[in-house]
Amino acid sequence: MTIRFNVLFIISLCLIMISGLAEAKSKANTGSKTEPVMQLNVFLKVTKSLSADFKQVLINEAGNPTQTSFGEFYLQRPGKFRWDYKRPFLQQIVSNSGKVWFYDTDLEQVTEKRVDESLGSTPALLLSGDVALDDNYTMENQGTDGDMQWIKLLPKSQESSFKYVLIGLSKGTLAGMELSDNFGQLTRIYFSNVIVNAPLKHTLFEFHAPKGVDVFSDN
């Protein structure tokens, strides 16, 4: 059995990170309540590249974990990201130049999509970097859990495919995320060994379908 990609979560996460180009405009109350939101905006604004290990957990409507996977994540502005799933199965998601490739090793299958086809016009605008994060989301401080500060992002569009995204920061750096979709499923990702703004090889974001695999394209 292969890992079931939560495509919505994966791309939404990357679009949110890539889109953080403007300073905070949050309408939250002044004082300490705004600090995590401001930290998130600062982190997104200064981050040009990022690499990290990750643990992804899918949780069903009953609150039970149904799938756990591990791998490596890379991001580089503008518009490039890569997820390498290492355990329990080998799979990849690579995005570059407005396209995203999903490679399932076990199925020997590649699916190619345009980012806007995957998520709609608003995320496509976010990916372009032309729209500020807080133009599309209401940001709320969710308090502290251990050494992590949590911020909730509520989509302003009623046509959004998900209910909210939670972003967790530890010492001002990305440490965790959670997405709740409209089908009652939660996806949680925990990041470790996070490295910000280190040079990344451009070949990380190049995808070439392996010989002999089936390729399906929506282009």
N, C-alpha and C. Protein backbone atom coordinates (compact mmCIF):
# COMPACT_ATOMS: atom_id res chain seq x y z
N MET A 1 0.85 -1.20 0.00
CA MET A 1 0.00 0.00 0.00
C MET A 1 0.88 1.24 0.00
N THR A 2 0.62 2.17 -0.89
CA THR A 2 1.43 3.37 -0.97
C THR A 2 0.86 4.48 -0.11
N ILE A 3 1.67 5.48 0.17
CA ILE A 3 1.22 6.64 0.92
C ILE A 3 0.17 7.39 0.10
N ARG A 4 -0.90 7.79 0.75
CA ARG A 4 -1.93 8.57 0.06
C ARG A 4 -1.62 10.04 0.25
N PHE A 5 -1.19 10.69 -0.82
CA PHE A 5 -0.86 12.11 -0.73
C PHE A 5 -2.08 12.92 -0.36
N ASN A 6 -1.94 13.82 0.59
CA ASN A 6 -2.94 14.86 0.79
C ASN A 6 -2.46 16.05 -0.02
N VAL A 7 -2.79 16.05 -1.31
CA VAL A 7 -2.27 17.05 -2.23
C VAL A 7 -2.65 18.45 -1.81
N LEU A 8 -3.88 18.61 -1.35
CA LEU A 8 -4.35 19.92 -0.92
C LEU A 8 -3.46 20.49 0.16
N PHE A 9 -3.15 19.67 1.14
CA PHE A 9 -2.32 20.15 2.25
C PHE A 9 -0.92 20.49 1.78
N ILE A 10 -0.30 19.61 1.02
CA ILE A 10 1.08 19.80 0.61
C ILE A 10 1.25 21.09 -0.17
N ILE A 11 0.39 21.32 -1.16
CA ILE A 11 0.54 22.51 -1.98
C ILE A 11 0.13 23.75 -1.21
N SER A 12 -0.93 23.64 -0.41
CA SER A 12 -1.34 24.80 0.39
C SER A 12 -0.24 25.26 1.31
N LEU A 13 0.42 24.31 1.95
CA LEU A 13 1.53 24.65 2.83
C LEU A 13 2.59 25.45 2.09
N CYS A 14 2.98 24.95 0.93
CA CYS A 14 4.05 25.62 0.18
C CYS A 14 3.61 26.98 -0.34
N LEU A 15 2.36 27.08 -0.79
CA LEU A 15 1.87 28.36 -1.28
C LEU A 15 1.85 29.40 -0.18
N ILE A 16 1.44 28.98 1.01
CA ILE A 16 1.42 29.90 2.15
C ILE A 16 2.82 30.40 2.43
N MET A 17 3.80 29.51 2.43
CA MET A 17 5.16 29.91 2.74
C MET A 17 5.74 30.80 1.66
N ILE A 18 5.44 30.47 0.41
CA ILE A 18 5.99 31.24 -0.69
C ILE A 18 5.36 32.63 -0.77
N SER A 19 4.13 32.74 -0.28
CA SER A 19 3.38 33.97 -0.47
C SER A 19 3.68 35.05 0.56
N GLY A 20 4.45 34.73 1.60
CA GLY A 20 4.63 35.70 2.67
C GLY A 20 5.58 36.82 2.31
N LEU A 21 5.12 37.75 1.48
CA LEU A 21 6.00 38.80 0.98
C LEU A 21 5.70 40.17 1.59
N ALA A 22 4.59 40.27 2.31
CA ALA A 22 4.22 41.58 2.85
C ALA A 22 4.30 41.58 4.36
N GLU A 23 4.42 42.77 4.94
CA GLU A 23 4.45 42.87 6.39
C GLU A 23 3.07 42.60 6.96
N ALA A 24 3.02 42.29 8.24
CA ALA A 24 1.76 41.94 8.89
C ALA A 24 0.78 43.09 8.79
N LYS A 25 -0.49 42.75 8.46
CA LYS A 25 -1.57 43.72 8.45
C LYS A 25 -2.69 43.23 9.34
N SER A 26 -2.37 42.33 10.26
CA SER A 26 -3.39 41.69 11.07
C SER A 26 -4.21 42.73 11.83
N LYS A 27 -5.51 42.46 11.98
CA LYS A 27 -6.41 43.32 12.72
C LYS A 27 -6.58 42.84 14.15
N ALA A 28 -5.69 41.94 14.58
CA ALA A 28 -5.76 41.46 15.95
C ALA A 28 -5.45 42.58 16.92
N ASN A 29 -5.82 42.41 18.21
CA ASN A 29 -5.55 43.42 19.21
C ASN A 29 -4.07 43.63 19.38
N THR A 30 -3.68 44.82 19.80
CA THR A 30 -2.28 45.11 20.01
C THR A 30 -1.80 44.40 21.25
N GLY A 31 -0.44 44.33 21.40
CA GLY A 31 0.13 43.67 22.57
C GLY A 31 0.62 42.29 22.22
N SER A 32 0.74 41.43 23.25
CA SER A 32 1.35 40.12 23.07
C SER A 32 0.55 39.24 22.12
N LYS A 33 -0.77 39.48 21.97
CA LYS A 33 -1.58 38.65 21.10
C LYS A 33 -1.12 38.73 19.66
N THR A 34 -0.52 39.82 19.26
CA THR A 34 -0.11 39.97 17.87
C THR A 34 1.28 39.42 17.62
N GLU A 35 2.02 39.11 18.67
CA GLU A 35 3.42 38.74 18.49
C GLU A 35 3.60 37.50 17.62
N PRO A 36 2.87 36.38 17.85
CA PRO A 36 3.06 35.23 16.97
C PRO A 36 2.73 35.52 15.51
N VAL A 37 1.68 36.30 15.26
CA VAL A 37 1.33 36.66 13.89
C VAL A 37 2.45 37.47 13.26
N MET A 38 3.02 38.40 14.02
CA MET A 38 4.13 39.19 13.50
C MET A 38 5.34 38.31 13.24
N GLN A 39 5.61 37.35 14.14
CA GLN A 39 6.73 36.44 13.94
C GLN A 39 6.54 35.61 12.67
N LEU A 40 5.30 35.18 12.42
CA LEU A 40 5.03 34.42 11.20
C LEU A 40 5.30 35.26 9.97
N ASN A 41 4.81 36.49 9.96
CA ASN A 41 5.05 37.37 8.82
C ASN A 41 6.53 37.63 8.60
N VAL A 42 7.26 37.84 9.68
CA VAL A 42 8.71 38.07 9.56
C VAL A 42 9.38 36.83 9.00
N PHE A 43 9.02 35.65 9.55
CA PHE A 43 9.62 34.40 9.06
C PHE A 43 9.37 34.20 7.57
N LEU A 44 8.12 34.41 7.15
CA LEU A 44 7.79 34.23 5.74
C LEU A 44 8.50 35.25 4.86
N LYS A 45 8.63 36.46 5.37
CA LYS A 45 9.24 37.52 4.57
C LYS A 45 10.73 37.29 4.35
N VAL A 46 11.43 36.80 5.36
CA VAL A 46 12.88 36.69 5.26
C VAL A 46 13.33 35.34 4.69
N THR A 47 12.42 34.36 4.65
CA THR A 47 12.80 33.03 4.20
C THR A 47 12.82 32.96 2.68
N LYS A 48 13.98 32.74 2.12
CA LYS A 48 14.12 32.58 0.67
C LYS A 48 14.28 31.11 0.29
N SER A 49 14.84 30.32 1.20
CA SER A 49 14.98 28.89 0.98
C SER A 49 14.88 28.18 2.32
N LEU A 50 14.50 26.90 2.26
CA LEU A 50 14.34 26.15 3.50
C LEU A 50 14.49 24.67 3.19
N SER A 51 15.12 23.96 4.11
CA SER A 51 15.16 22.50 4.04
C SER A 51 14.89 21.95 5.43
N ALA A 52 14.26 20.78 5.49
CA ALA A 52 13.90 20.20 6.79
C ALA A 52 13.55 18.73 6.62
N ASP A 53 13.66 17.98 7.71
CA ASP A 53 13.07 16.65 7.79
C ASP A 53 11.63 16.81 8.26
N PHE A 54 10.76 15.88 7.87
CA PHE A 54 9.38 15.99 8.31
C PHE A 54 8.79 14.64 8.68
N LYS A 55 7.78 14.72 9.55
CA LYS A 55 6.91 13.59 9.90
C LYS A 55 5.49 14.02 9.60
N GLN A 56 4.79 13.27 8.77
CA GLN A 56 3.42 13.61 8.38
C GLN A 56 2.46 12.56 8.93
N VAL A 57 1.39 13.04 9.58
CA VAL A 57 0.38 12.15 10.16
C VAL A 57 -0.99 12.53 9.63
N LEU A 58 -1.71 11.56 9.07
CA LEU A 58 -3.09 11.77 8.64
C LEU A 58 -4.01 11.26 9.73
N ILE A 59 -5.04 12.06 10.08
CA ILE A 59 -5.96 11.73 11.16
C ILE A 59 -7.38 11.75 10.60
N ASN A 60 -8.12 10.67 10.83
CA ASN A 60 -9.46 10.57 10.25
C ASN A 60 -10.49 11.34 11.06
N GLU A 61 -11.74 11.26 10.63
CA GLU A 61 -12.82 12.03 11.24
C GLU A 61 -13.05 11.62 12.70
N ALA A 62 -12.69 10.38 13.04
CA ALA A 62 -12.87 9.90 14.40
C ALA A 62 -11.72 10.31 15.31
N GLY A 63 -10.72 11.00 14.75
CA GLY A 63 -9.58 11.45 15.55
C GLY A 63 -8.47 10.43 15.67
N ASN A 64 -8.51 9.40 14.83
CA ASN A 64 -7.50 8.35 14.89
C ASN A 64 -6.47 8.51 13.78
N PRO A 65 -5.17 8.36 14.10
CA PRO A 65 -4.15 8.42 13.05
C PRO A 65 -4.28 7.23 12.11
N THR A 66 -4.28 7.49 10.83
CA THR A 66 -4.45 6.43 9.83
C THR A 66 -3.19 6.18 9.00
N GLN A 67 -2.26 7.13 9.02
CA GLN A 67 -1.09 7.00 8.17
C GLN A 67 0.02 7.92 8.67
N THR A 68 1.22 7.41 8.79
CA THR A 68 2.37 8.21 9.21
C THR A 68 3.50 7.98 8.22
N SER A 69 4.11 9.06 7.77
CA SER A 69 5.21 8.95 6.82
C SER A 69 6.31 9.94 7.19
N PHE A 70 7.49 9.69 6.64
CA PHE A 70 8.68 10.50 6.97
C PHE A 70 9.41 10.85 5.69
N GLY A 71 10.09 12.00 5.70
CA GLY A 71 10.85 12.37 4.53
C GLY A 71 11.57 13.69 4.69
N GLU A 72 11.90 14.30 3.54
CA GLU A 72 12.64 15.56 3.51
C GLU A 72 11.87 16.57 2.66
N PHE A 73 11.95 17.83 3.08
CA PHE A 73 11.24 18.92 2.42
C PHE A 73 12.21 20.02 2.04
N TYR A 74 12.04 20.56 0.82
CA TYR A 74 12.86 21.67 0.34
C TYR A 74 11.95 22.73 -0.28
N LEU A 75 12.29 23.99 -0.05
CA LEU A 75 11.53 25.09 -0.63
C LEU A 75 12.48 26.20 -1.04
N GLN A 76 12.20 26.79 -2.19
CA GLN A 76 12.98 27.95 -2.64
C GLN A 76 12.07 28.89 -3.41
N ARG A 77 12.13 30.17 -3.08
CA ARG A 77 11.39 31.16 -3.83
C ARG A 77 12.16 31.56 -5.07
N PRO A 78 11.45 31.90 -6.13
CA PRO A 78 9.99 31.89 -6.25
C PRO A 78 9.46 30.54 -6.75
N GLY A 79 8.44 30.02 -6.10
CA GLY A 79 7.62 28.95 -6.63
C GLY A 79 8.22 27.57 -6.76
N LYS A 80 9.23 27.21 -5.97
CA LYS A 80 9.83 25.89 -6.08
C LYS A 80 9.74 25.15 -4.75
N PHE A 81 9.29 23.90 -4.79
CA PHE A 81 9.34 23.08 -3.60
C PHE A 81 9.43 21.61 -3.97
N ARG A 82 9.85 20.82 -3.00
CA ARG A 82 10.05 19.38 -3.21
C ARG A 82 9.80 18.64 -1.91
N TRP A 83 9.00 17.58 -1.99
CA TRP A 83 8.78 16.66 -0.88
C TRP A 83 9.30 15.29 -1.29
N ASP A 84 10.25 14.76 -0.54
CA ASP A 84 10.75 13.41 -0.76
C ASP A 84 10.26 12.52 0.38
N TYR A 85 9.32 11.64 0.07
CA TYR A 85 8.84 10.69 1.07
C TYR A 85 9.79 9.50 1.08
N LYS A 86 10.35 9.20 2.25
CA LYS A 86 11.35 8.14 2.38
C LYS A 86 10.78 6.87 3.01
N ARG A 87 9.90 7.04 3.98
CA ARG A 87 9.30 5.91 4.69
C ARG A 87 7.81 6.17 4.91
N PRO A 88 6.99 5.16 4.84
CA PRO A 88 7.31 3.75 4.55
C PRO A 88 7.45 3.43 3.07
N PHE A 89 7.15 4.42 2.19
CA PHE A 89 7.26 4.21 0.76
C PHE A 89 7.96 5.40 0.12
N LEU A 90 8.54 5.15 -1.05
CA LEU A 90 9.23 6.21 -1.78
C LEU A 90 8.25 6.90 -2.73
N GLN A 91 8.05 8.21 -2.50
CA GLN A 91 7.23 9.01 -3.38
C GLN A 91 7.78 10.44 -3.39
N GLN A 92 7.41 11.20 -4.42
CA GLN A 92 7.93 12.56 -4.56
C GLN A 92 6.83 13.51 -5.03
N ILE A 93 6.92 14.76 -4.56
CA ILE A 93 6.17 15.87 -5.13
C ILE A 93 7.18 16.96 -5.43
N VAL A 94 7.24 17.40 -6.68
CA VAL A 94 8.19 18.43 -7.10
C VAL A 94 7.42 19.51 -7.84
N SER A 95 7.69 20.78 -7.50
CA SER A 95 7.02 21.89 -8.18
C SER A 95 8.04 22.92 -8.64
N ASN A 96 7.84 23.38 -9.87
CA ASN A 96 8.73 24.37 -10.48
C ASN A 96 7.99 25.00 -11.65
N SER A 97 8.14 26.30 -11.83
CA SER A 97 7.59 27.01 -12.98
C SER A 97 6.09 26.82 -13.12
N GLY A 98 5.36 26.82 -11.98
CA GLY A 98 3.92 26.73 -12.03
C GLY A 98 3.37 25.35 -12.29
N LYS A 99 4.24 24.32 -12.30
CA LYS A 99 3.80 22.95 -12.50
C LYS A 99 4.18 22.11 -11.27
N VAL A 100 3.42 21.05 -11.07
CA VAL A 100 3.73 20.14 -9.97
C VAL A 100 3.66 18.71 -10.48
N TRP A 101 4.66 17.90 -10.09
CA TRP A 101 4.74 16.50 -10.49
C TRP A 101 4.58 15.62 -9.26
N PHE A 102 3.73 14.60 -9.38
CA PHE A 102 3.51 13.62 -8.32
C PHE A 102 4.03 12.27 -8.84
N TYR A 103 5.05 11.75 -8.19
CA TYR A 103 5.67 10.49 -8.63
C TYR A 103 5.46 9.43 -7.58
N ASP A 104 4.70 8.40 -7.95
CA ASP A 104 4.45 7.25 -7.09
C ASP A 104 5.34 6.11 -7.57
N THR A 105 6.35 5.78 -6.77
CA THR A 105 7.33 4.78 -7.18
C THR A 105 6.69 3.40 -7.33
N ASP A 106 5.86 3.00 -6.36
CA ASP A 106 5.26 1.67 -6.40
C ASP A 106 4.35 1.50 -7.61
N LEU A 107 3.59 2.53 -7.92
CA LEU A 107 2.68 2.46 -9.07
C LEU A 107 3.39 2.72 -10.39
N GLU A 108 4.66 3.18 -10.31
CA GLU A 108 5.41 3.56 -11.51
C GLU A 108 4.59 4.53 -12.34
N GLN A 109 4.15 5.59 -11.67
CA GLN A 109 3.23 6.54 -12.31
C GLN A 109 3.59 7.98 -11.92
N VAL A 110 3.56 8.87 -12.90
CA VAL A 110 3.79 10.30 -12.70
C VAL A 110 2.55 11.05 -13.16
N THR A 111 2.07 11.97 -12.32
CA THR A 111 0.97 12.86 -12.69
C THR A 111 1.48 14.29 -12.69
N GLU A 112 1.29 14.98 -13.79
CA GLU A 112 1.73 16.37 -13.93
C GLU A 112 0.52 17.28 -13.99
N LYS A 113 0.53 18.35 -13.17
CA LYS A 113 -0.57 19.31 -13.14
C LYS A 113 -0.01 20.72 -13.11
N ARG A 114 -0.85 21.66 -13.47
CA ARG A 114 -0.55 23.05 -13.18
C ARG A 114 -1.05 23.36 -11.78
N VAL A 115 -0.33 24.23 -11.09
CA VAL A 115 -0.69 24.52 -9.71
C VAL A 115 -2.10 25.07 -9.62
N ASP A 116 -2.50 25.95 -10.54
CA ASP A 116 -3.84 26.53 -10.48
C ASP A 116 -4.92 25.49 -10.74
N GLU A 117 -4.58 24.44 -11.51
CA GLU A 117 -5.53 23.36 -11.73
C GLU A 117 -5.70 22.52 -10.47
N SER A 118 -4.67 22.49 -9.64
CA SER A 118 -4.71 21.67 -8.44
C SER A 118 -5.51 22.32 -7.34
N LEU A 119 -5.46 23.65 -7.26
CA LEU A 119 -6.06 24.31 -6.11
C LEU A 119 -6.93 25.52 -6.42
N GLY A 120 -6.96 25.95 -7.66
CA GLY A 120 -7.81 27.10 -7.96
C GLY A 120 -7.04 28.40 -8.04
N SER A 121 -7.74 29.46 -8.37
CA SER A 121 -7.10 30.73 -8.72
C SER A 121 -6.42 31.40 -7.54
N THR A 122 -7.03 31.36 -6.35
CA THR A 122 -6.43 32.07 -5.23
C THR A 122 -5.05 31.54 -4.86
N PRO A 123 -4.86 30.21 -4.70
CA PRO A 123 -3.51 29.72 -4.44
C PRO A 123 -2.55 30.04 -5.58
N ALA A 124 -3.06 30.06 -6.81
CA ALA A 124 -2.18 30.41 -7.92
C ALA A 124 -1.66 31.84 -7.76
N LEU A 125 -2.55 32.74 -7.32
CA LEU A 125 -2.12 34.12 -7.07
C LEU A 125 -1.12 34.17 -5.92
N LEU A 126 -1.35 33.35 -4.90
CA LEU A 126 -0.40 33.32 -3.79
C LEU A 126 0.96 32.86 -4.26
N LEU A 127 0.98 31.85 -5.11
CA LEU A 127 2.24 31.33 -5.61
C LEU A 127 3.01 32.39 -6.39
N SER A 128 2.29 33.26 -7.08
CA SER A 128 2.95 34.28 -7.87
C SER A 128 3.67 35.30 -7.01
N GLY A 129 3.26 35.40 -5.73
CA GLY A 129 3.86 36.37 -4.84
C GLY A 129 3.27 37.75 -4.98
N ASP A 130 2.21 37.89 -5.77
CA ASP A 130 1.61 39.19 -6.00
C ASP A 130 0.52 39.54 -4.99
N VAL A 131 0.15 38.59 -4.15
CA VAL A 131 -0.92 38.81 -3.18
C VAL A 131 -0.38 38.57 -1.78
N ALA A 132 -0.65 39.51 -0.88
CA ALA A 132 -0.19 39.38 0.50
C ALA A 132 -0.97 38.27 1.20
N LEU A 133 -0.30 37.62 2.12
CA LEU A 133 -0.91 36.52 2.85
C LEU A 133 -2.20 36.93 3.53
N ASP A 134 -2.19 38.10 4.19
CA ASP A 134 -3.37 38.49 4.95
C ASP A 134 -4.47 39.07 4.07
N ASP A 135 -4.26 39.14 2.76
CA ASP A 135 -5.36 39.46 1.85
C ASP A 135 -6.26 38.24 1.64
N ASN A 136 -5.73 37.06 1.92
CA ASN A 136 -6.45 35.83 1.63
C ASN A 136 -6.80 35.03 2.88
N TYR A 137 -6.17 35.36 4.01
CA TYR A 137 -6.42 34.62 5.24
C TYR A 137 -6.60 35.59 6.40
N THR A 138 -7.47 35.22 7.32
CA THR A 138 -7.54 35.89 8.62
C THR A 138 -6.61 35.15 9.56
N MET A 139 -5.67 35.87 10.18
CA MET A 139 -4.67 35.23 11.03
C MET A 139 -4.98 35.48 12.50
N GLU A 140 -4.98 34.40 13.29
CA GLU A 140 -5.31 34.50 14.70
C GLU A 140 -4.27 33.78 15.55
N ASN A 141 -3.85 34.40 16.64
CA ASN A 141 -2.96 33.76 17.59
C ASN A 141 -3.71 32.66 18.33
N GLN A 142 -3.12 31.47 18.41
CA GLN A 142 -3.75 30.34 19.07
C GLN A 142 -3.05 29.95 20.37
N GLY A 143 -2.11 30.77 20.82
CA GLY A 143 -1.45 30.49 22.08
C GLY A 143 -0.23 29.60 21.94
N THR A 144 0.27 29.15 23.08
CA THR A 144 1.52 28.39 23.14
C THR A 144 1.26 26.98 23.63
N ASP A 145 1.93 26.02 23.01
CA ASP A 145 1.89 24.62 23.43
C ASP A 145 3.33 24.15 23.56
N GLY A 146 3.80 24.03 24.79
CA GLY A 146 5.21 23.72 24.98
C GLY A 146 6.06 24.90 24.55
N ASP A 147 7.02 24.65 23.66
CA ASP A 147 7.87 25.73 23.17
C ASP A 147 7.41 26.24 21.81
N MET A 148 6.17 25.87 21.39
CA MET A 148 5.68 26.27 20.09
C MET A 148 4.54 27.27 20.22
N GLN A 149 4.59 28.29 19.38
CA GLN A 149 3.50 29.26 19.27
C GLN A 149 2.70 28.93 18.01
N TRP A 150 1.35 28.95 18.14
CA TRP A 150 0.51 28.53 17.03
C TRP A 150 -0.30 29.70 16.50
N ILE A 151 -0.41 29.76 15.17
CA ILE A 151 -1.20 30.77 14.48
C ILE A 151 -2.19 30.06 13.57
N LYS A 152 -3.45 30.46 13.63
CA LYS A 152 -4.47 29.88 12.75
C LYS A 152 -4.70 30.79 11.55
N LEU A 153 -4.73 30.20 10.36
CA LEU A 153 -5.05 30.91 9.13
C LEU A 153 -6.40 30.42 8.64
N LEU A 154 -7.37 31.33 8.60
CA LEU A 154 -8.71 31.01 8.13
C LEU A 154 -8.90 31.61 6.74
N PRO A 155 -9.19 30.79 5.73
CA PRO A 155 -9.36 31.33 4.38
C PRO A 155 -10.56 32.26 4.31
N LYS A 156 -10.38 33.39 3.66
CA LYS A 156 -11.46 34.36 3.53
C LYS A 156 -12.45 33.96 2.44
N SER A 157 -11.99 33.17 1.48
CA SER A 157 -12.87 32.74 0.40
C SER A 157 -13.79 31.61 0.87
N GLN A 158 -15.08 31.73 0.59
CA GLN A 158 -16.03 30.70 0.96
C GLN A 158 -15.91 29.47 0.07
N GLU A 159 -15.15 29.59 -1.01
CA GLU A 159 -14.97 28.47 -1.92
C GLU A 159 -13.71 27.67 -1.60
N SER A 160 -13.06 27.97 -0.50
CA SER A 160 -11.85 27.25 -0.13
C SER A 160 -12.15 25.77 0.11
N SER A 161 -11.19 24.92 -0.22
CA SER A 161 -11.35 23.48 -0.04
C SER A 161 -10.94 23.02 1.35
N PHE A 162 -10.49 23.93 2.21
CA PHE A 162 -10.13 23.54 3.56
C PHE A 162 -10.65 24.57 4.55
N LYS A 163 -10.76 24.14 5.82
CA LYS A 163 -11.34 24.98 6.86
C LYS A 163 -10.31 25.93 7.45
N TYR A 164 -9.13 25.42 7.75
CA TYR A 164 -8.11 26.26 8.36
C TYR A 164 -6.75 25.61 8.23
N VAL A 165 -5.71 26.41 8.43
CA VAL A 165 -4.34 25.92 8.55
C VAL A 165 -3.78 26.45 9.85
N LEU A 166 -3.14 25.59 10.63
CA LEU A 166 -2.40 26.01 11.81
C LEU A 166 -0.91 25.96 11.50
N ILE A 167 -0.19 27.00 11.88
CA ILE A 167 1.26 27.03 11.70
C ILE A 167 1.90 27.18 13.06
N GLY A 168 2.85 26.30 13.37
CA GLY A 168 3.55 26.34 14.64
C GLY A 168 4.97 26.85 14.47
N LEU A 169 5.36 27.82 15.29
CA LEU A 169 6.71 28.37 15.26
C LEU A 169 7.42 28.06 16.56
N SER A 170 8.68 27.69 16.46
CA SER A 170 9.53 27.50 17.63
C SER A 170 10.76 28.38 17.47
N LYS A 171 10.92 29.33 18.38
CA LYS A 171 12.01 30.29 18.31
C LYS A 171 12.01 31.02 16.97
N GLY A 172 10.80 31.33 16.48
CA GLY A 172 10.64 32.10 15.26
C GLY A 172 10.82 31.32 13.98
N THR A 173 10.96 29.98 14.08
CA THR A 173 11.19 29.15 12.90
C THR A 173 10.09 28.11 12.78
N LEU A 174 9.73 27.77 11.55
CA LEU A 174 8.69 26.78 11.29
C LEU A 174 8.99 25.47 12.00
N ALA A 175 7.99 24.95 12.74
CA ALA A 175 8.18 23.69 13.46
C ALA A 175 7.03 22.72 13.24
N GLY A 176 5.85 23.21 12.85
CA GLY A 176 4.74 22.30 12.63
C GLY A 176 3.61 22.97 11.88
N MET A 177 2.76 22.15 11.26
CA MET A 177 1.59 22.66 10.56
C MET A 177 0.47 21.64 10.66
N GLU A 178 -0.75 22.14 10.56
CA GLU A 178 -1.93 21.27 10.56
C GLU A 178 -2.96 21.86 9.62
N LEU A 179 -3.59 21.00 8.82
CA LEU A 179 -4.65 21.45 7.93
C LEU A 179 -5.90 20.62 8.16
N SER A 180 -7.04 21.29 8.28
CA SER A 180 -8.33 20.63 8.40
C SER A 180 -9.09 20.83 7.10
N ASP A 181 -9.43 19.71 6.43
CA ASP A 181 -10.15 19.85 5.17
C ASP A 181 -11.66 19.77 5.41
N ASN A 182 -12.41 19.90 4.34
CA ASN A 182 -13.86 19.91 4.45
C ASN A 182 -14.47 18.52 4.52
N PHE A 183 -13.62 17.49 4.61
CA PHE A 183 -14.10 16.12 4.70
C PHE A 183 -13.82 15.51 6.08
N GLY A 184 -13.44 16.36 7.03
CA GLY A 184 -13.22 15.88 8.39
C GLY A 184 -11.86 15.29 8.65
N GLN A 185 -10.93 15.41 7.71
CA GLN A 185 -9.59 14.84 7.89
C GLN A 185 -8.59 15.92 8.30
N LEU A 186 -7.72 15.58 9.22
CA LEU A 186 -6.63 16.44 9.62
C LEU A 186 -5.33 15.90 9.08
N THR A 187 -4.46 16.79 8.64
CA THR A 187 -3.11 16.42 8.25
C THR A 187 -2.15 17.24 9.09
N ARG A 188 -1.28 16.57 9.81
CA ARG A 188 -0.29 17.24 10.66
C ARG A 188 1.11 16.93 10.17
N ILE A 189 1.95 17.96 10.17
CA ILE A 189 3.35 17.78 9.80
C ILE A 189 4.22 18.42 10.87
N TYR A 190 5.23 17.67 11.30
CA TYR A 190 6.19 18.15 12.28
C TYR A 190 7.55 18.25 11.59
N PHE A 191 8.21 19.41 11.74
CA PHE A 191 9.49 19.64 11.08
C PHE A 191 10.63 19.58 12.08
N SER A 192 11.76 19.06 11.63
CA SER A 192 12.97 19.03 12.45
C SER A 192 14.17 19.31 11.56
N ASN A 193 15.30 19.63 12.18
CA ASN A 193 16.53 19.94 11.43
C ASN A 193 16.27 21.00 10.36
N VAL A 194 15.53 22.04 10.75
CA VAL A 194 15.17 23.11 9.81
C VAL A 194 16.38 24.00 9.55
N ILE A 195 16.68 24.21 8.27
CA ILE A 195 17.77 25.10 7.86
C ILE A 195 17.17 26.16 6.93
N VAL A 196 17.36 27.42 7.28
CA VAL A 196 16.77 28.53 6.53
C VAL A 196 17.84 29.28 5.76
N ASN A 197 17.56 29.56 4.50
CA ASN A 197 18.37 30.41 3.62
C ASN A 197 19.76 29.87 3.33
N ALA A 198 19.92 28.56 3.39
CA ALA A 198 21.16 27.94 2.92
C ALA A 198 21.02 27.68 1.41
N PRO A 199 22.12 27.75 0.66
CA PRO A 199 22.03 27.50 -0.79
C PRO A 199 21.52 26.09 -1.07
N LEU A 200 20.60 25.99 -2.04
CA LEU A 200 20.07 24.70 -2.46
C LEU A 200 20.40 24.48 -3.93
N LYS A 201 20.73 23.25 -4.29
CA LYS A 201 21.04 22.94 -5.68
C LYS A 201 19.79 23.08 -6.55
N HIS A 202 19.94 23.71 -7.70
CA HIS A 202 18.78 23.91 -8.57
C HIS A 202 18.22 22.59 -9.08
N THR A 203 19.07 21.55 -9.10
CA THR A 203 18.62 20.24 -9.58
C THR A 203 17.59 19.61 -8.65
N LEU A 204 17.50 20.08 -7.41
CA LEU A 204 16.49 19.56 -6.49
C LEU A 204 15.08 19.80 -7.02
N PHE A 205 14.91 20.87 -7.81
CA PHE A 205 13.59 21.25 -8.26
C PHE A 205 13.37 20.94 -9.75
N GLU A 206 14.22 20.09 -10.28
CA GLU A 206 14.04 19.61 -11.65
C GLU A 206 13.48 18.20 -11.59
N PHE A 207 12.47 17.94 -12.39
CA PHE A 207 11.90 16.59 -12.39
C PHE A 207 11.93 16.02 -13.79
N HIS A 208 12.44 14.81 -13.90
CA HIS A 208 12.45 14.07 -15.15
C HIS A 208 11.87 12.69 -14.87
N ALA A 209 10.81 12.36 -15.55
CA ALA A 209 10.15 11.08 -15.30
C ALA A 209 11.10 9.93 -15.59
N PRO A 210 11.23 8.99 -14.67
CA PRO A 210 12.09 7.82 -14.92
C PRO A 210 11.63 7.04 -16.14
N LYS A 211 12.55 6.41 -16.81
CA LYS A 211 12.23 5.64 -18.00
C LYS A 211 11.29 4.48 -17.65
N GLY A 212 10.25 4.36 -18.47
CA GLY A 212 9.35 3.23 -18.32
C GLY A 212 8.12 3.49 -17.46
N VAL A 213 8.03 4.66 -16.79
CA VAL A 213 6.86 4.93 -15.95
C VAL A 213 5.77 5.58 -16.80
N ASP A 214 4.53 5.42 -16.37
CA ASP A 214 3.40 6.05 -17.03
C ASP A 214 3.31 7.51 -16.61
N VAL A 215 3.12 8.40 -17.58
CA VAL A 215 3.02 9.84 -17.30
C VAL A 215 1.66 10.35 -17.73
N PHE A 216 0.94 10.97 -16.79
CA PHE A 216 -0.37 11.55 -17.07
C PHE A 216 -0.26 13.04 -16.87
N SER A 217 -0.65 13.81 -17.88
CA SER A 217 -0.52 15.26 -17.83
C SER A 217 -1.86 15.92 -18.09
N ASP A 218 -2.16 16.97 -17.32
CA ASP A 218 -3.37 17.76 -17.53
C ASP A 218 -3.10 18.97 -18.40
N ASN A 219 -1.87 19.10 -18.91
CA ASN A 219 -1.52 20.28 -19.70
C ASN A 219 -2.03 20.13 -21.13
